[in-house]
Amino acid sequence: MRYFIELSYNGTNYHGWQNQPNAISVQEVLEKALSTILGETITVMGAGRTDAGVHAKQLFAHMDTDVAFKIDTLQYKLNSFLPNDVAIQSIFKVKPDAHARFHATSRAYVYRIALRKSPFNFDQTYFLKQSLDIDKLNQATKILFDYTDFQCFSKSNTDVHTYNCDIMEAKWEVVEDEIHFKIKADRFLRNMVRAIVGTLINIGIGKLEVNDMHTIIQSKNRSEAGYSVPAKGLYLIKVEYPDTIKLND
């Protein structure tokens, strides 16, 4: 049987989602917990790779096993076994060919910028001392919808075959003492959201003009875009799939 596992995690103590040879990852922690509880070696495939320090409010991974178990019992045991910064939200059966990465139709992120220093969110937001022009931020953000090739925001030397992404939603909004950048697309390039945010911040503080966004994207050159903001403010918040992947009990 193939199962989807919905989880969330605070990425502060992890070197990203994907297994690393010399660093702890969320995937490694989850696989060890599953293997211990089910009594066989379990590997999981995630919906995507979050970088070191990036958080996830919702991420899905799939696993295959012939071990019989009650879903509620497994979820309870996993949450008891896993560290406090990783939580299982649900487990459900899917069709044998359902794939957590390839069948995802969209992914959404939010980047949190703190407007004032706080002892309670310093490791979960990016505290920016400069003031931001929200109108300019949103004007520049709309330019993203004019393009599909975002090579200028991609980490250099990646092994992707295309830099095309279909951005479905993108906007800035003030939320209490924070400014949030929300973006949704069919796929994202490595470091893409953090590079977009850094570029937009340069526009929001007046270092660049709104129309410079066109020049930057058309350049397809990472060095033309802005800096990559810290990972700690970035959250994967939603991954969507077609309903057809699920199996009815």
Protein backbone atom coordinates (compact mmCIF):
# COMPACT_ATOMS: atom_id res chain seq x y z
CA MET A 1 0.00 0.00 0.00
CA ARG A 2 1.05 3.57 -0.63
CA TYR A 3 0.29 6.23 1.96
CA PHE A 4 0.56 10.00 2.02
CA ILE A 5 1.85 11.56 5.25
CA GLU A 6 0.99 15.19 5.97
CA LEU A 7 3.48 16.83 8.32
CA SER A 8 4.66 20.19 9.59
CA TYR A 9 7.99 21.19 11.06
CA ASN A 10 10.10 23.99 12.43
CA GLY A 11 13.19 23.89 10.23
CA THR A 12 15.55 25.72 12.60
CA ASN A 13 17.44 22.59 13.71
CA TYR A 14 17.49 20.85 10.33
CA HIS A 15 19.62 21.03 7.21
CA GLY A 16 16.49 21.10 5.07
CA TRP A 17 14.03 18.37 4.17
CA GLN A 18 16.20 16.09 2.08
CA ASN A 19 18.67 13.55 3.47
CA GLN A 20 22.24 14.86 3.74
CA PRO A 21 25.45 12.83 4.23
CA ASN A 22 26.77 14.85 7.19
CA ALA A 23 23.80 16.79 8.55
CA ILE A 24 20.43 16.04 10.11
CA SER A 25 17.35 16.42 7.87
CA VAL A 26 13.60 16.18 8.43
CA GLN A 27 13.41 13.28 5.97
CA GLU A 28 15.99 11.32 7.98
CA VAL A 29 14.14 11.87 11.26
CA LEU A 30 10.81 10.81 9.73
CA GLU A 31 12.27 7.71 8.06
CA LYS A 32 13.93 6.58 11.29
CA ALA A 33 10.68 7.00 13.20
CA LEU A 34 8.65 5.09 10.61
CA SER A 35 11.23 2.29 10.33
CA THR A 36 11.37 1.85 14.10
CA ILE A 37 7.60 1.77 14.57
CA LEU A 38 6.77 -0.41 11.54
CA GLY A 39 9.73 -2.75 11.98
CA GLU A 40 11.03 -2.46 8.41
CA THR A 41 13.17 -0.03 6.46
CA ILE A 42 10.92 2.79 5.24
CA THR A 43 11.91 5.48 2.76
CA VAL A 44 9.75 8.50 2.00
CA MET A 45 9.51 10.88 -0.94
CA GLY A 46 8.62 14.48 -0.16
CA ALA A 47 6.64 17.01 -2.18
CA GLY A 48 9.76 19.13 -2.52
CA ARG A 49 13.01 20.18 -0.91
CA THR A 50 13.04 22.94 1.65
CA ASP A 51 16.46 24.46 2.32
CA ALA A 52 18.25 24.48 5.66
CA GLY A 53 16.32 26.55 8.21
CA VAL A 54 13.12 26.79 6.15
CA HIS A 55 9.90 25.79 7.90
CA ALA A 56 6.84 23.89 6.66
CA LYS A 57 3.29 24.30 7.90
CA GLN A 58 2.22 21.67 5.39
CA LEU A 59 4.32 19.18 3.48
CA PHE A 60 3.36 15.78 2.11
CA ALA A 61 5.52 12.69 1.71
CA HIS A 62 4.59 9.25 0.45
CA MET A 63 5.73 5.83 1.64
CA ASP A 64 5.14 2.21 0.63
CA THR A 65 4.64 -0.61 3.13
CA ASP A 66 2.92 -4.00 3.40
CA VAL A 67 2.85 -3.79 7.20
CA ALA A 68 -0.71 -3.68 8.54
CA PHE A 69 -1.47 -0.80 10.91
CA LYS A 70 -4.28 1.43 12.10
CA ILE A 71 -3.76 4.93 10.75
CA ASP A 72 -4.79 6.67 13.98
CA THR A 73 -2.43 4.45 15.99
CA LEU A 74 0.50 5.07 13.66
CA GLN A 75 -0.08 8.82 13.75
CA TYR A 76 -0.19 8.77 17.56
CA LYS A 77 3.00 6.68 17.80
CA LEU A 78 4.84 8.88 15.31
CA ASN A 79 3.96 12.07 17.16
CA SER A 80 5.12 10.46 20.42
CA PHE A 81 8.38 9.30 18.82
CA LEU A 82 9.28 12.36 16.77
CA PRO A 83 10.99 15.44 18.27
CA ASN A 84 8.82 18.39 19.26
CA ASP A 85 9.69 20.36 16.12
CA VAL A 86 8.14 17.77 13.76
CA ALA A 87 4.43 16.88 13.81
CA ILE A 88 2.28 14.47 11.79
CA GLN A 89 -1.05 16.02 10.81
CA SER A 90 -2.64 13.15 8.88
CA ILE A 91 -1.99 9.87 7.08
CA PHE A 92 -4.17 8.51 4.29
CA LYS A 93 -4.19 5.83 1.60
CA VAL A 94 -3.53 6.80 -2.01
CA LYS A 95 -3.42 5.04 -5.35
CA PRO A 96 -0.25 2.97 -6.03
CA ASP A 97 1.11 5.48 -8.55
CA ALA A 98 0.34 8.62 -6.52
CA HIS A 99 3.53 10.65 -6.12
CA ALA A 100 4.05 13.34 -3.47
CA ARG A 101 6.34 15.37 -5.71
CA PHE A 102 5.16 14.82 -9.27
CA HIS A 103 1.41 14.91 -8.63
CA ALA A 104 1.46 18.18 -6.67
CA THR A 105 -0.43 20.80 -8.68
CA SER A 106 0.68 23.84 -6.67
CA ARG A 107 2.82 24.93 -3.76
CA ALA A 108 2.40 28.06 -1.66
CA TYR A 109 4.90 29.89 0.53
CA VAL A 110 4.78 32.81 2.91
CA TYR A 111 7.76 34.94 3.92
CA ARG A 112 7.47 36.76 7.24
CA ILE A 113 9.23 40.08 7.86
CA ALA A 114 9.09 41.50 11.39
CA LEU A 115 8.59 45.27 11.66
CA ARG A 116 9.89 45.47 15.21
CA LYS A 117 12.36 43.50 17.26
CA SER A 118 10.80 40.74 19.36
CA PRO A 119 12.32 38.10 21.67
CA PHE A 120 9.55 35.69 20.65
CA ASN A 121 9.93 35.45 16.89
CA PHE A 122 13.57 36.27 16.17
CA ASP A 123 14.26 32.75 14.88
CA GLN A 124 11.04 32.55 12.82
CA THR A 125 10.95 35.93 11.07
CA TYR A 126 13.38 38.30 9.33
CA PHE A 127 13.64 41.54 11.28
CA LEU A 128 14.12 44.39 8.82
CA LYS A 129 15.17 47.77 10.22
CA GLN A 130 14.33 49.78 7.09
CA SER A 131 10.74 50.78 6.37
CA LEU A 132 9.07 49.29 3.31
CA ASP A 133 6.73 50.96 0.81
CA ILE A 134 3.89 48.41 0.55
CA ASP A 135 2.42 50.03 -2.58
CA LYS A 136 5.72 49.76 -4.44
CA LEU A 137 6.17 46.18 -3.24
CA ASN A 138 2.81 45.17 -4.68
CA GLN A 139 3.34 47.11 -7.91
CA ALA A 140 6.63 45.29 -8.48
CA THR A 141 5.09 41.96 -7.47
CA LYS A 142 2.46 42.26 -10.23
CA ILE A 143 5.29 42.25 -12.77
CA LEU A 144 5.99 38.62 -11.86
CA PHE A 145 2.75 37.65 -13.65
CA ASP A 146 4.16 38.95 -16.94
CA TYR A 147 6.82 36.23 -17.03
CA THR A 148 7.33 32.48 -16.77
CA ASP A 149 11.16 32.20 -16.97
CA PHE A 150 12.65 33.00 -13.55
CA GLN A 151 16.27 31.98 -14.06
CA CYS A 152 17.39 35.26 -12.47
CA PHE A 153 15.97 34.07 -9.14
CA SER A 154 17.39 30.55 -9.30
CA LYS A 155 20.37 29.34 -7.34
CA SER A 156 23.37 29.01 -9.65
CA ASN A 157 24.57 25.63 -10.91
CA THR A 158 21.28 23.79 -10.41
CA ASP A 159 20.44 20.72 -12.47
CA VAL A 160 16.95 21.79 -13.60
CA HIS A 161 15.84 21.34 -17.20
CA THR A 162 13.65 24.45 -17.25
CA TYR A 163 13.41 27.70 -15.34
CA ASN A 164 9.73 28.14 -16.19
CA CYS A 165 7.22 28.47 -13.35
CA ASP A 166 3.54 29.40 -13.47
CA ILE A 167 2.98 31.92 -10.69
CA MET A 168 -0.70 31.84 -9.71
CA GLU A 169 -0.77 34.23 -6.74
CA ALA A 170 1.65 36.74 -5.25
CA LYS A 171 1.04 39.66 -2.89
CA TRP A 172 2.27 41.56 0.17
CA GLU A 173 0.12 42.32 3.19
CA VAL A 174 0.54 43.75 6.68
CA VAL A 175 -0.30 41.29 9.47
CA GLU A 176 -0.11 42.95 12.89
CA ASP A 177 3.61 43.73 13.47
CA GLU A 178 4.75 41.84 10.40
CA ILE A 179 4.69 42.11 6.61
CA HIS A 180 3.97 38.85 4.77
CA PHE A 181 4.80 37.97 1.20
CA LYS A 182 2.60 35.15 -0.10
CA ILE A 183 3.27 33.36 -3.37
CA LYS A 184 1.75 30.32 -5.07
CA ALA A 185 3.00 28.52 -8.19
CA ASP A 186 3.01 25.15 -9.87
CA ARG A 187 6.71 24.77 -9.01
CA PHE A 188 9.60 26.77 -7.58
CA LEU A 189 13.31 26.89 -8.37
CA ARG A 190 15.92 26.48 -5.65
CA ASN A 191 16.21 29.65 -3.58
CA MET A 192 13.60 31.33 -5.81
CA VAL A 193 11.27 32.74 -3.14
CA ARG A 194 14.09 34.09 -1.01
CA ALA A 195 15.67 35.77 -4.05
CA ILE A 196 12.35 37.29 -5.13
CA VAL A 197 11.79 38.67 -1.61
CA GLY A 198 15.31 40.14 -1.46
CA THR A 199 14.81 41.81 -4.84
CA LEU A 200 11.43 43.22 -3.86
CA ILE A 201 12.83 44.53 -0.58
CA ASN A 202 15.40 46.53 -2.57
CA ILE A 203 12.46 48.10 -4.41
CA GLY A 204 10.47 48.60 -1.20
CA ILE A 205 13.30 50.54 0.47
CA GLY A 206 13.95 52.67 -2.62
CA LYS A 207 17.22 51.10 -3.69
CA LEU A 208 15.62 50.04 -6.99
CA GLU A 209 12.66 51.31 -8.98
CA VAL A 210 9.51 49.28 -9.66
CA ASN A 211 10.23 48.93 -13.38
CA ASP A 212 13.70 47.56 -12.65
CA MET A 213 11.89 44.28 -12.01
CA HIS A 214 11.41 43.87 -15.76
CA THR A 215 15.12 44.36 -16.47
CA ILE A 216 16.12 41.92 -13.73
CA ILE A 217 13.81 39.13 -14.91
CA GLN A 218 14.71 39.64 -18.57
CA SER A 219 18.43 39.42 -17.74
CA LYS A 220 18.11 35.76 -16.62
CA ASN A 221 21.15 36.54 -14.49
CA ARG A 222 21.15 35.79 -10.75
CA SER A 223 23.69 38.54 -10.07
CA GLU A 224 21.23 41.14 -11.38
CA ALA A 225 18.59 40.18 -8.78
CA GLY A 226 18.61 41.09 -5.11
CA TYR A 227 20.07 39.29 -2.12
CA SER A 228 18.68 36.06 -0.74
CA VAL A 229 16.80 36.78 2.48
CA PRO A 230 17.42 34.51 5.51
CA ALA A 231 15.79 31.07 5.49
CA LYS A 232 14.23 31.50 8.94
CA GLY A 233 11.40 33.71 7.62
CA LEU A 234 10.25 31.28 4.92
CA TYR A 235 7.38 28.80 5.32
CA LEU A 236 5.94 26.25 2.93
CA ILE A 237 2.26 26.63 3.84
CA LYS A 238 0.27 24.55 1.35
CA VAL A 239 0.71 21.78 -1.22
CA GLU A 240 -2.27 20.86 -3.39
CA TYR A 241 -3.11 17.61 -5.20
CA PRO A 242 -5.96 16.36 -7.38
CA ASP A 243 -8.61 14.47 -5.40
CA THR A 244 -8.17 11.52 -7.74
CA ILE A 245 -4.97 10.36 -6.00
CA LYS A 246 -6.88 9.25 -2.89
CA LEU A 247 -8.25 5.78 -2.28
CA ASN A 248 -11.68 5.42 -0.74
CA ASP A 249 -11.65 3.24 2.39
